[in-house]
ModelCIF file with pLDDT and N, C-alpha, C, O atoms, coordinates in Angstrom:
data_MODEL
#
_entry.id   MODEL 
#
_entity.id                         1 
_entity.type                       polymer 
_entity.pdbx_number_of_molecules   1 
#
_entity_poly.entity_id                      1 
_entity_poly.type                           'polypeptide(L)' 
_entity_poly.nstd_linkage                   no 
_entity_poly.nstd_monomer                   no 
_entity_poly.pdbx_seq_one_letter_code       
;(UNK)(UNK)(UNK)(UNK)(UNK)(UNK)(UNK)(UNK)(UNK)(UNK)(UNK)(UNK)(UNK)(UNK)(UNK)(UNK)
(UNK)(UNK)(UNK)(UNK)(UNK)(UNK)(UNK)(UNK)(UNK)(UNK)(UNK)(UNK)(UNK)(UNK)(UNK)(UNK)
(UNK)(UNK)(UNK)(UNK)(UNK)(UNK)(UNK)(UNK)(UNK)(UNK)(UNK)(UNK)(UNK)(UNK)(UNK)(UNK)
;
_entity_poly.pdbx_seq_one_letter_code_can   XXXXXXXXXXXXXXXXXXXXXXXXXXXXXXXXXXXXXXXXXXXXXXXX 
_entity_poly.pdbx_strand_id                 A 
#
loop_
_entity_poly_seq.entity_id 
_entity_poly_seq.num 
_entity_poly_seq.mon_id 
_entity_poly_seq.hetero 
1 1  UNK n 
1 2  UNK n 
1 3  UNK n 
1 4  UNK n 
1 5  UNK n 
1 6  UNK n 
1 7  UNK n 
1 8  UNK n 
1 9  UNK n 
1 10 UNK n 
1 11 UNK n 
1 12 UNK n 
1 13 UNK n 
1 14 UNK n 
1 15 UNK n 
1 16 UNK n 
1 17 UNK n 
1 18 UNK n 
1 19 UNK n 
1 20 UNK n 
1 21 UNK n 
1 22 UNK n 
1 23 UNK n 
1 24 UNK n 
1 25 UNK n 
1 26 UNK n 
1 27 UNK n 
1 28 UNK n 
1 29 UNK n 
1 30 UNK n 
1 31 UNK n 
1 32 UNK n 
1 33 UNK n 
1 34 UNK n 
1 35 UNK n 
1 36 UNK n 
1 37 UNK n 
1 38 UNK n 
1 39 UNK n 
1 40 UNK n 
1 41 UNK n 
1 42 UNK n 
1 43 UNK n 
1 44 UNK n 
1 45 UNK n 
1 46 UNK n 
1 47 UNK n 
1 48 UNK n 
#
_struct_asym.id          A 
_struct_asym.entity_id   1 
#
loop_
_ma_qa_metric.id 
_ma_qa_metric.mode 
_ma_qa_metric.name 
_ma_qa_metric.software_group_id 
_ma_qa_metric.type 
1 global pLDDT . pLDDT 
2 local  pLDDT . pLDDT 
#
_ma_qa_metric_global.metric_id      1 
_ma_qa_metric_global.metric_value   89.50 
_ma_qa_metric_global.model_id       1 
_ma_qa_metric_global.ordinal_id     1 
#
loop_
_ma_qa_metric_local.label_asym_id 
_ma_qa_metric_local.label_comp_id 
_ma_qa_metric_local.label_seq_id 
_ma_qa_metric_local.metric_id 
_ma_qa_metric_local.metric_value 
_ma_qa_metric_local.model_id 
_ma_qa_metric_local.ordinal_id 
A UNK 1  2 90.00 1 1  
A UNK 2  2 90.00 1 2  
A UNK 3  2 90.00 1 3  
A UNK 4  2 87.00 1 4  
A UNK 5  2 89.00 1 5  
A UNK 6  2 90.00 1 6  
A UNK 7  2 88.00 1 7  
A UNK 8  2 89.00 1 8  
A UNK 9  2 90.00 1 9  
A UNK 10 2 91.00 1 10 
A UNK 11 2 91.00 1 11 
A UNK 12 2 90.00 1 12 
A UNK 13 2 92.00 1 13 
A UNK 14 2 92.00 1 14 
A UNK 15 2 92.00 1 15 
A UNK 16 2 93.00 1 16 
A UNK 17 2 92.00 1 17 
A UNK 18 2 90.00 1 18 
A UNK 19 2 87.00 1 19 
A UNK 20 2 88.00 1 20 
A UNK 21 2 89.00 1 21 
A UNK 22 2 89.00 1 22 
A UNK 23 2 86.00 1 23 
A UNK 24 2 87.00 1 24 
A UNK 25 2 85.00 1 25 
A UNK 26 2 85.00 1 26 
A UNK 27 2 85.00 1 27 
A UNK 28 2 85.00 1 28 
A UNK 29 2 87.00 1 29 
A UNK 30 2 89.00 1 30 
A UNK 31 2 89.00 1 31 
A UNK 32 2 91.00 1 32 
A UNK 33 2 91.00 1 33 
A UNK 34 2 91.00 1 34 
A UNK 35 2 92.00 1 35 
A UNK 36 2 93.00 1 36 
A UNK 37 2 92.00 1 37 
A UNK 38 2 91.00 1 38 
A UNK 39 2 92.00 1 39 
A UNK 40 2 93.00 1 40 
A UNK 41 2 91.00 1 41 
A UNK 42 2 87.00 1 42 
A UNK 43 2 86.00 1 43 
A UNK 44 2 86.00 1 44 
A UNK 45 2 87.00 1 45 
A UNK 46 2 90.00 1 46 
A UNK 47 2 93.00 1 47 
A UNK 48 2 93.00 1 48 
#
loop_
_atom_site.group_PDB 
_atom_site.id 
_atom_site.type_symbol 
_atom_site.label_atom_id 
_atom_site.label_alt_id 
_atom_site.label_comp_id 
_atom_site.label_asym_id 
_atom_site.label_entity_id 
_atom_site.label_seq_id 
_atom_site.pdbx_PDB_ins_code 
_atom_site.Cartn_x 
_atom_site.Cartn_y 
_atom_site.Cartn_z 
_atom_site.occupancy 
_atom_site.B_iso_or_equiv 
_atom_site.pdbx_formal_charge 
_atom_site.auth_seq_id 
_atom_site.auth_comp_id 
_atom_site.auth_asym_id 
_atom_site.auth_atom_id 
_atom_site.pdbx_PDB_model_num 
ATOM 1   N N  . UNK A 1 1  ? 54.835 123.119 100.579 1.00 90.00 ? 1  UNK A N  1 
ATOM 2   C CA . UNK A 1 1  ? 53.731 122.422 99.526  1.00 90.00 ? 1  UNK A CA 1 
ATOM 3   C C  . UNK A 1 1  ? 54.439 121.146 98.948  1.00 90.00 ? 1  UNK A C  1 
ATOM 4   O O  . UNK A 1 1  ? 53.703 120.289 98.458  1.00 90.00 ? 1  UNK A O  1 
ATOM 5   N N  . UNK A 1 2  ? 55.797 120.935 98.956  1.00 90.00 ? 2  UNK A N  1 
ATOM 6   C CA . UNK A 1 2  ? 56.575 119.602 98.662  1.00 90.00 ? 2  UNK A CA 1 
ATOM 7   C C  . UNK A 1 2  ? 55.922 118.449 99.446  1.00 90.00 ? 2  UNK A C  1 
ATOM 8   O O  . UNK A 1 2  ? 55.703 117.344 98.949  1.00 90.00 ? 2  UNK A O  1 
ATOM 9   N N  . UNK A 1 3  ? 55.664 118.758 100.568 1.00 90.00 ? 3  UNK A N  1 
ATOM 10  C CA . UNK A 1 3  ? 55.748 117.412 101.341 1.00 90.00 ? 3  UNK A CA 1 
ATOM 11  C C  . UNK A 1 3  ? 53.927 117.217 100.907 1.00 90.00 ? 3  UNK A C  1 
ATOM 12  O O  . UNK A 1 3  ? 53.510 116.060 100.953 1.00 90.00 ? 3  UNK A O  1 
ATOM 13  N N  . UNK A 1 4  ? 53.095 118.137 100.576 1.00 87.00 ? 4  UNK A N  1 
ATOM 14  C CA . UNK A 1 4  ? 51.896 118.160 100.425 1.00 87.00 ? 4  UNK A CA 1 
ATOM 15  C C  . UNK A 1 4  ? 51.520 117.259 98.786  1.00 87.00 ? 4  UNK A C  1 
ATOM 16  O O  . UNK A 1 4  ? 50.658 116.425 98.508  1.00 87.00 ? 4  UNK A O  1 
ATOM 17  N N  . UNK A 1 5  ? 52.750 117.980 97.865  1.00 89.00 ? 5  UNK A N  1 
ATOM 18  C CA . UNK A 1 5  ? 52.534 117.526 96.278  1.00 89.00 ? 5  UNK A CA 1 
ATOM 19  C C  . UNK A 1 5  ? 53.470 116.174 95.915  1.00 89.00 ? 5  UNK A C  1 
ATOM 20  O O  . UNK A 1 5  ? 53.341 115.500 94.893  1.00 89.00 ? 5  UNK A O  1 
ATOM 21  N N  . UNK A 1 6  ? 54.220 115.991 96.748  1.00 90.00 ? 6  UNK A N  1 
ATOM 22  C CA . UNK A 1 6  ? 55.260 114.867 96.660  1.00 90.00 ? 6  UNK A CA 1 
ATOM 23  C C  . UNK A 1 6  ? 54.172 113.580 96.038  1.00 90.00 ? 6  UNK A C  1 
ATOM 24  O O  . UNK A 1 6  ? 54.156 113.168 94.878  1.00 90.00 ? 6  UNK A O  1 
ATOM 25  N N  . UNK A 1 7  ? 53.345 113.134 97.129  1.00 88.00 ? 7  UNK A N  1 
ATOM 26  C CA . UNK A 1 7  ? 52.753 112.210 97.256  1.00 88.00 ? 7  UNK A CA 1 
ATOM 27  C C  . UNK A 1 7  ? 51.565 112.057 95.621  1.00 88.00 ? 7  UNK A C  1 
ATOM 28  O O  . UNK A 1 7  ? 51.319 111.089 94.902  1.00 88.00 ? 7  UNK A O  1 
ATOM 29  N N  . UNK A 1 8  ? 51.118 113.420 95.582  1.00 89.00 ? 8  UNK A N  1 
ATOM 30  C CA . UNK A 1 8  ? 50.225 113.769 94.828  1.00 89.00 ? 8  UNK A CA 1 
ATOM 31  C C  . UNK A 1 8  ? 51.198 113.217 93.207  1.00 89.00 ? 8  UNK A C  1 
ATOM 32  O O  . UNK A 1 8  ? 50.721 112.459 92.362  1.00 89.00 ? 8  UNK A O  1 
ATOM 33  N N  . UNK A 1 9  ? 52.552 113.826 93.145  1.00 90.00 ? 9  UNK A N  1 
ATOM 34  C CA . UNK A 1 9  ? 53.281 113.894 91.736  1.00 90.00 ? 9  UNK A CA 1 
ATOM 35  C C  . UNK A 1 9  ? 53.793 112.062 91.849  1.00 90.00 ? 9  UNK A C  1 
ATOM 36  O O  . UNK A 1 9  ? 53.999 111.474 90.788  1.00 90.00 ? 9  UNK A O  1 
ATOM 37  N N  . UNK A 1 10 ? 53.896 111.583 92.695  1.00 91.00 ? 10 UNK A N  1 
ATOM 38  C CA . UNK A 1 10 ? 54.546 110.108 92.939  1.00 91.00 ? 10 UNK A CA 1 
ATOM 39  C C  . UNK A 1 10 ? 53.434 109.173 92.313  1.00 91.00 ? 10 UNK A C  1 
ATOM 40  O O  . UNK A 1 10 ? 53.618 108.083 91.772  1.00 91.00 ? 10 UNK A O  1 
ATOM 41  N N  . UNK A 1 11 ? 52.379 109.763 92.485  1.00 91.00 ? 11 UNK A N  1 
ATOM 42  C CA . UNK A 1 11 ? 50.877 108.728 92.104  1.00 91.00 ? 11 UNK A CA 1 
ATOM 43  C C  . UNK A 1 11 ? 50.819 109.309 90.268  1.00 91.00 ? 11 UNK A C  1 
ATOM 44  O O  . UNK A 1 11 ? 50.636 108.552 89.314  1.00 91.00 ? 11 UNK A O  1 
ATOM 45  N N  . UNK A 1 12 ? 50.972 110.386 90.210  1.00 90.00 ? 12 UNK A N  1 
ATOM 46  C CA . UNK A 1 12 ? 50.727 110.794 88.927  1.00 90.00 ? 12 UNK A CA 1 
ATOM 47  C C  . UNK A 1 12 ? 51.573 109.939 88.114  1.00 90.00 ? 12 UNK A C  1 
ATOM 48  O O  . UNK A 1 12 ? 51.055 109.146 87.328  1.00 90.00 ? 12 UNK A O  1 
ATOM 49  N N  . UNK A 1 13 ? 52.890 110.038 88.244  1.00 92.00 ? 13 UNK A N  1 
ATOM 50  C CA . UNK A 1 13 ? 53.694 109.645 87.519  1.00 92.00 ? 13 UNK A CA 1 
ATOM 51  C C  . UNK A 1 13 ? 53.935 107.632 87.128  1.00 92.00 ? 13 UNK A C  1 
ATOM 52  O O  . UNK A 1 13 ? 54.208 106.963 86.131  1.00 92.00 ? 13 UNK A O  1 
ATOM 53  N N  . UNK A 1 14 ? 53.563 107.296 88.918  1.00 92.00 ? 14 UNK A N  1 
ATOM 54  C CA . UNK A 1 14 ? 53.062 106.026 88.243  1.00 92.00 ? 14 UNK A CA 1 
ATOM 55  C C  . UNK A 1 14 ? 52.222 105.538 87.298  1.00 92.00 ? 14 UNK A C  1 
ATOM 56  O O  . UNK A 1 14 ? 52.306 104.590 86.517  1.00 92.00 ? 14 UNK A O  1 
ATOM 57  N N  . UNK A 1 15 ? 51.246 106.509 87.552  1.00 92.00 ? 15 UNK A N  1 
ATOM 58  C CA . UNK A 1 15 ? 50.123 106.168 86.543  1.00 92.00 ? 15 UNK A CA 1 
ATOM 59  C C  . UNK A 1 15 ? 50.179 106.299 85.393  1.00 92.00 ? 15 UNK A C  1 
ATOM 60  O O  . UNK A 1 15 ? 49.085 106.186 84.840  1.00 92.00 ? 15 UNK A O  1 
ATOM 61  N N  . UNK A 1 16 ? 51.168 106.536 84.638  1.00 93.00 ? 16 UNK A N  1 
ATOM 62  C CA . UNK A 1 16 ? 51.840 106.789 83.403  1.00 93.00 ? 16 UNK A CA 1 
ATOM 63  C C  . UNK A 1 16 ? 52.845 105.995 82.669  1.00 93.00 ? 16 UNK A C  1 
ATOM 64  O O  . UNK A 1 16 ? 53.092 106.171 81.476  1.00 93.00 ? 16 UNK A O  1 
ATOM 65  N N  . UNK A 1 17 ? 53.476 105.021 83.501  1.00 92.00 ? 17 UNK A N  1 
ATOM 66  C CA . UNK A 1 17 ? 54.277 103.878 84.010  1.00 92.00 ? 17 UNK A CA 1 
ATOM 67  C C  . UNK A 1 17 ? 53.883 102.357 83.420  1.00 92.00 ? 17 UNK A C  1 
ATOM 68  O O  . UNK A 1 17 ? 52.956 101.715 83.914  1.00 92.00 ? 17 UNK A O  1 
ATOM 69  N N  . UNK A 1 18 ? 54.486 101.983 82.590  1.00 90.00 ? 18 UNK A N  1 
ATOM 70  C CA . UNK A 1 18 ? 54.120 101.108 82.665  1.00 90.00 ? 18 UNK A CA 1 
ATOM 71  C C  . UNK A 1 18 ? 54.557 100.033 83.651  1.00 90.00 ? 18 UNK A C  1 
ATOM 72  O O  . UNK A 1 18 ? 55.429 100.331 84.468  1.00 90.00 ? 18 UNK A O  1 
ATOM 73  N N  . UNK A 1 19 ? 54.103 98.977  83.650  1.00 87.00 ? 19 UNK A N  1 
ATOM 74  C CA . UNK A 1 19 ? 54.510 97.572  84.678  1.00 87.00 ? 19 UNK A CA 1 
ATOM 75  C C  . UNK A 1 19 ? 55.855 97.601  85.106  1.00 87.00 ? 19 UNK A C  1 
ATOM 76  O O  . UNK A 1 19 ? 56.276 97.800  86.245  1.00 87.00 ? 19 UNK A O  1 
ATOM 77  N N  . UNK A 1 20 ? 56.475 97.382  84.079  1.00 88.00 ? 20 UNK A N  1 
ATOM 78  C CA . UNK A 1 20 ? 57.750 96.701  83.946  1.00 88.00 ? 20 UNK A CA 1 
ATOM 79  C C  . UNK A 1 20 ? 58.914 98.038  84.363  1.00 88.00 ? 20 UNK A C  1 
ATOM 80  O O  . UNK A 1 20 ? 60.111 97.771  84.470  1.00 88.00 ? 20 UNK A O  1 
ATOM 81  N N  . UNK A 1 21 ? 58.500 99.179  84.532  1.00 89.00 ? 21 UNK A N  1 
ATOM 82  C CA . UNK A 1 21 ? 58.915 100.562 84.565  1.00 89.00 ? 21 UNK A CA 1 
ATOM 83  C C  . UNK A 1 21 ? 58.875 100.553 86.317  1.00 89.00 ? 21 UNK A C  1 
ATOM 84  O O  . UNK A 1 21 ? 59.611 100.656 87.298  1.00 89.00 ? 21 UNK A O  1 
ATOM 85  N N  . UNK A 1 22 ? 57.746 100.394 85.999  1.00 89.00 ? 22 UNK A N  1 
ATOM 86  C CA . UNK A 1 22 ? 57.324 100.717 87.845  1.00 89.00 ? 22 UNK A CA 1 
ATOM 87  C C  . UNK A 1 22 ? 58.163 99.349  88.924  1.00 89.00 ? 22 UNK A C  1 
ATOM 88  O O  . UNK A 1 22 ? 58.632 99.462  90.057  1.00 89.00 ? 22 UNK A O  1 
ATOM 89  N N  . UNK A 1 23 ? 58.106 98.420  88.237  1.00 86.00 ? 23 UNK A N  1 
ATOM 90  C CA . UNK A 1 23 ? 58.630 97.434  89.504  1.00 86.00 ? 23 UNK A CA 1 
ATOM 91  C C  . UNK A 1 23 ? 60.410 97.483  89.341  1.00 86.00 ? 23 UNK A C  1 
ATOM 92  O O  . UNK A 1 23 ? 61.231 97.034  90.142  1.00 86.00 ? 23 UNK A O  1 
ATOM 93  N N  . UNK A 1 24 ? 60.671 98.197  88.002  1.00 87.00 ? 24 UNK A N  1 
ATOM 94  C CA . UNK A 1 24 ? 62.323 98.752  88.185  1.00 87.00 ? 24 UNK A CA 1 
ATOM 95  C C  . UNK A 1 24 ? 62.738 99.992  88.924  1.00 87.00 ? 24 UNK A C  1 
ATOM 96  O O  . UNK A 1 24 ? 63.863 100.136 89.404  1.00 87.00 ? 24 UNK A O  1 
ATOM 97  N N  . UNK A 1 25 ? 61.879 100.783 88.984  1.00 85.00 ? 25 UNK A N  1 
ATOM 98  C CA . UNK A 1 25 ? 61.997 102.013 89.586  1.00 85.00 ? 25 UNK A CA 1 
ATOM 99  C C  . UNK A 1 25 ? 62.619 102.863 88.763  1.00 85.00 ? 25 UNK A C  1 
ATOM 100 O O  . UNK A 1 25 ? 63.537 103.551 89.209  1.00 85.00 ? 25 UNK A O  1 
ATOM 101 N N  . UNK A 1 26 ? 62.219 102.961 87.397  1.00 85.00 ? 26 UNK A N  1 
ATOM 102 C CA . UNK A 1 26 ? 62.872 103.940 86.447  1.00 85.00 ? 26 UNK A CA 1 
ATOM 103 C C  . UNK A 1 26 ? 62.573 105.627 86.712  1.00 85.00 ? 26 UNK A C  1 
ATOM 104 O O  . UNK A 1 26 ? 61.592 106.320 86.444  1.00 85.00 ? 26 UNK A O  1 
ATOM 105 N N  . UNK A 1 27 ? 63.269 105.795 87.056  1.00 85.00 ? 27 UNK A N  1 
ATOM 106 C CA . UNK A 1 27 ? 62.903 108.041 86.751  1.00 85.00 ? 27 UNK A CA 1 
ATOM 107 C C  . UNK A 1 27 ? 63.242 108.189 85.615  1.00 85.00 ? 27 UNK A C  1 
ATOM 108 O O  . UNK A 1 27 ? 63.178 109.398 85.394  1.00 85.00 ? 27 UNK A O  1 
ATOM 109 N N  . UNK A 1 28 ? 63.623 107.584 84.605  1.00 85.00 ? 28 UNK A N  1 
ATOM 110 C CA . UNK A 1 28 ? 63.173 108.165 83.349  1.00 85.00 ? 28 UNK A CA 1 
ATOM 111 C C  . UNK A 1 28 ? 62.364 107.088 82.649  1.00 85.00 ? 28 UNK A C  1 
ATOM 112 O O  . UNK A 1 28 ? 62.724 105.914 82.731  1.00 85.00 ? 28 UNK A O  1 
ATOM 113 N N  . UNK A 1 29 ? 61.170 107.479 81.891  1.00 87.00 ? 29 UNK A N  1 
ATOM 114 C CA . UNK A 1 29 ? 60.514 107.033 81.444  1.00 87.00 ? 29 UNK A CA 1 
ATOM 115 C C  . UNK A 1 29 ? 59.704 107.498 80.022  1.00 87.00 ? 29 UNK A C  1 
ATOM 116 O O  . UNK A 1 29 ? 60.019 108.559 79.483  1.00 87.00 ? 29 UNK A O  1 
ATOM 117 N N  . UNK A 1 30 ? 58.745 106.716 79.511  1.00 89.00 ? 30 UNK A N  1 
ATOM 118 C CA . UNK A 1 30 ? 58.369 107.013 78.333  1.00 89.00 ? 30 UNK A CA 1 
ATOM 119 C C  . UNK A 1 30 ? 56.721 106.947 78.805  1.00 89.00 ? 30 UNK A C  1 
ATOM 120 O O  . UNK A 1 30 ? 56.310 105.817 79.070  1.00 89.00 ? 30 UNK A O  1 
ATOM 121 N N  . UNK A 1 31 ? 55.733 108.102 78.930  1.00 89.00 ? 31 UNK A N  1 
ATOM 122 C CA . UNK A 1 31 ? 54.822 108.052 79.547  1.00 89.00 ? 31 UNK A CA 1 
ATOM 123 C C  . UNK A 1 31 ? 53.618 107.530 78.308  1.00 89.00 ? 31 UNK A C  1 
ATOM 124 O O  . UNK A 1 31 ? 53.643 107.738 77.095  1.00 89.00 ? 31 UNK A O  1 
ATOM 125 N N  . UNK A 1 32 ? 52.597 106.789 79.137  1.00 91.00 ? 32 UNK A N  1 
ATOM 126 C CA . UNK A 1 32 ? 51.906 105.695 78.350  1.00 91.00 ? 32 UNK A CA 1 
ATOM 127 C C  . UNK A 1 32 ? 50.496 105.564 79.122  1.00 91.00 ? 32 UNK A C  1 
ATOM 128 O O  . UNK A 1 32 ? 50.264 105.482 80.328  1.00 91.00 ? 32 UNK A O  1 
ATOM 129 N N  . UNK A 1 33 ? 49.635 105.572 78.005  1.00 91.00 ? 33 UNK A N  1 
ATOM 130 C CA . UNK A 1 33 ? 48.074 105.808 78.847  1.00 91.00 ? 33 UNK A CA 1 
ATOM 131 C C  . UNK A 1 33 ? 47.332 104.292 78.389  1.00 91.00 ? 33 UNK A C  1 
ATOM 132 O O  . UNK A 1 33 ? 46.276 103.953 77.855  1.00 91.00 ? 33 UNK A O  1 
ATOM 133 N N  . UNK A 1 34 ? 48.647 103.563 78.980  1.00 91.00 ? 34 UNK A N  1 
ATOM 134 C CA . UNK A 1 34 ? 48.196 102.026 78.921  1.00 91.00 ? 34 UNK A CA 1 
ATOM 135 C C  . UNK A 1 34 ? 47.389 101.758 80.237  1.00 91.00 ? 34 UNK A C  1 
ATOM 136 O O  . UNK A 1 34 ? 46.517 100.890 80.242  1.00 91.00 ? 34 UNK A O  1 
ATOM 137 N N  . UNK A 1 35 ? 47.616 102.348 81.125  1.00 92.00 ? 35 UNK A N  1 
ATOM 138 C CA . UNK A 1 35 ? 47.172 102.211 82.773  1.00 92.00 ? 35 UNK A CA 1 
ATOM 139 C C  . UNK A 1 35 ? 45.459 102.594 82.625  1.00 92.00 ? 35 UNK A C  1 
ATOM 140 O O  . UNK A 1 35 ? 44.528 101.838 82.905  1.00 92.00 ? 35 UNK A O  1 
ATOM 141 N N  . UNK A 1 36 ? 45.384 103.828 82.162  1.00 93.00 ? 36 UNK A N  1 
ATOM 142 C CA . UNK A 1 36 ? 43.839 104.267 81.826  1.00 93.00 ? 36 UNK A CA 1 
ATOM 143 C C  . UNK A 1 36 ? 43.044 103.376 81.283  1.00 93.00 ? 36 UNK A C  1 
ATOM 144 O O  . UNK A 1 36 ? 41.927 103.082 81.707  1.00 93.00 ? 36 UNK A O  1 
ATOM 145 N N  . UNK A 1 37 ? 43.889 102.662 79.802  1.00 92.00 ? 37 UNK A N  1 
ATOM 146 C CA . UNK A 1 37 ? 42.637 102.504 79.142  1.00 92.00 ? 37 UNK A CA 1 
ATOM 147 C C  . UNK A 1 37 ? 42.576 100.875 79.546  1.00 92.00 ? 37 UNK A C  1 
ATOM 148 O O  . UNK A 1 37 ? 41.674 100.289 78.948  1.00 92.00 ? 37 UNK A O  1 
ATOM 149 N N  . UNK A 1 38 ? 43.349 100.060 80.428  1.00 91.00 ? 38 UNK A N  1 
ATOM 150 C CA . UNK A 1 38 ? 42.786 99.273  80.906  1.00 91.00 ? 38 UNK A CA 1 
ATOM 151 C C  . UNK A 1 38 ? 41.992 99.429  82.342  1.00 91.00 ? 38 UNK A C  1 
ATOM 152 O O  . UNK A 1 38 ? 41.378 98.566  82.969  1.00 91.00 ? 38 UNK A O  1 
ATOM 153 N N  . UNK A 1 39 ? 42.182 100.658 82.616  1.00 92.00 ? 39 UNK A N  1 
ATOM 154 C CA . UNK A 1 39 ? 41.092 100.865 84.235  1.00 92.00 ? 39 UNK A CA 1 
ATOM 155 C C  . UNK A 1 39 ? 39.585 101.308 83.144  1.00 92.00 ? 39 UNK A C  1 
ATOM 156 O O  . UNK A 1 39 ? 38.508 100.885 83.564  1.00 92.00 ? 39 UNK A O  1 
ATOM 157 N N  . UNK A 1 40 ? 39.575 101.793 82.355  1.00 93.00 ? 40 UNK A N  1 
ATOM 158 C CA . UNK A 1 40 ? 38.310 102.144 81.853  1.00 93.00 ? 40 UNK A CA 1 
ATOM 159 C C  . UNK A 1 40 ? 37.702 101.067 80.429  1.00 93.00 ? 40 UNK A C  1 
ATOM 160 O O  . UNK A 1 40 ? 36.492 101.067 80.203  1.00 93.00 ? 40 UNK A O  1 
ATOM 161 N N  . UNK A 1 41 ? 38.434 100.398 79.753  1.00 91.00 ? 41 UNK A N  1 
ATOM 162 C CA . UNK A 1 41 ? 38.167 100.018 78.791  1.00 91.00 ? 41 UNK A CA 1 
ATOM 163 C C  . UNK A 1 41 ? 38.627 98.226  78.145  1.00 91.00 ? 41 UNK A C  1 
ATOM 164 O O  . UNK A 1 41 ? 38.528 97.742  77.018  1.00 91.00 ? 41 UNK A O  1 
ATOM 165 N N  . UNK A 1 42 ? 39.183 97.583  79.584  1.00 87.00 ? 42 UNK A N  1 
ATOM 166 C CA . UNK A 1 42 ? 39.256 96.248  79.609  1.00 87.00 ? 42 UNK A CA 1 
ATOM 167 C C  . UNK A 1 42 ? 38.192 95.323  79.555  1.00 87.00 ? 42 UNK A C  1 
ATOM 168 O O  . UNK A 1 42 ? 37.140 95.468  80.177  1.00 87.00 ? 42 UNK A O  1 
ATOM 169 N N  . UNK A 1 43 ? 38.479 94.306  78.764  1.00 86.00 ? 43 UNK A N  1 
ATOM 170 C CA . UNK A 1 43 ? 37.079 93.482  79.455  1.00 86.00 ? 43 UNK A CA 1 
ATOM 171 C C  . UNK A 1 43 ? 36.323 93.458  80.959  1.00 86.00 ? 43 UNK A C  1 
ATOM 172 O O  . UNK A 1 43 ? 35.147 93.753  81.173  1.00 86.00 ? 43 UNK A O  1 
ATOM 173 N N  . UNK A 1 44 ? 37.489 92.955  82.095  1.00 86.00 ? 44 UNK A N  1 
ATOM 174 C CA . UNK A 1 44 ? 36.836 93.226  83.240  1.00 86.00 ? 44 UNK A CA 1 
ATOM 175 C C  . UNK A 1 44 ? 36.546 94.573  84.276  1.00 86.00 ? 44 UNK A C  1 
ATOM 176 O O  . UNK A 1 44 ? 36.071 94.642  85.410  1.00 86.00 ? 44 UNK A O  1 
ATOM 177 N N  . UNK A 1 45 ? 37.166 95.795  83.140  1.00 87.00 ? 45 UNK A N  1 
ATOM 178 C CA . UNK A 1 45 ? 36.850 96.696  84.026  1.00 87.00 ? 45 UNK A CA 1 
ATOM 179 C C  . UNK A 1 45 ? 35.309 97.670  84.263  1.00 87.00 ? 45 UNK A C  1 
ATOM 180 O O  . UNK A 1 45 ? 34.500 98.224  83.519  1.00 87.00 ? 45 UNK A O  1 
ATOM 181 N N  . UNK A 1 46 ? 35.414 97.556  85.157  1.00 90.00 ? 46 UNK A N  1 
ATOM 182 C CA . UNK A 1 46 ? 34.072 98.113  86.098  1.00 90.00 ? 46 UNK A CA 1 
ATOM 183 C C  . UNK A 1 46 ? 34.349 99.854  86.774  1.00 90.00 ? 46 UNK A C  1 
ATOM 184 O O  . UNK A 1 46 ? 33.684 100.468 87.609  1.00 90.00 ? 46 UNK A O  1 
ATOM 185 N N  . UNK A 1 47 ? 35.111 100.106 86.308  1.00 93.00 ? 47 UNK A N  1 
ATOM 186 C CA . UNK A 1 47 ? 35.462 101.685 86.861  1.00 93.00 ? 47 UNK A CA 1 
ATOM 187 C C  . UNK A 1 47 ? 34.424 102.606 86.727  1.00 93.00 ? 47 UNK A C  1 
ATOM 188 O O  . UNK A 1 47 ? 34.143 103.411 87.615  1.00 93.00 ? 47 UNK A O  1 
ATOM 189 N N  . UNK A 1 48 ? 33.603 102.495 85.230  1.00 93.00 ? 48 UNK A N  1 
ATOM 190 C CA . UNK A 1 48 ? 33.022 103.700 85.058  1.00 93.00 ? 48 UNK A CA 1 
ATOM 191 C C  . UNK A 1 48 ? 31.469 103.195 85.700  1.00 93.00 ? 48 UNK A C  1 
ATOM 192 O O  . UNK A 1 48 ? 30.535 103.996 85.759  1.00 93.00 ? 48 UNK A O  1 
#
C-alpha cells in the first residue's frame, strides 16, 4: 500500500508547495493554492 500510495502522496505535497520550497526540498512547508491558481486562471492557462 505504501509503494502504491507513495507517488500519489509525493505529487500531492508538491502540488501545494511554492517553487522555492520544491527546489529547496523542504519537508515542512506552508500549503498554498498558488499552483492551482496558475494552472487554471493565469493569462496563458489553457487547462480548462
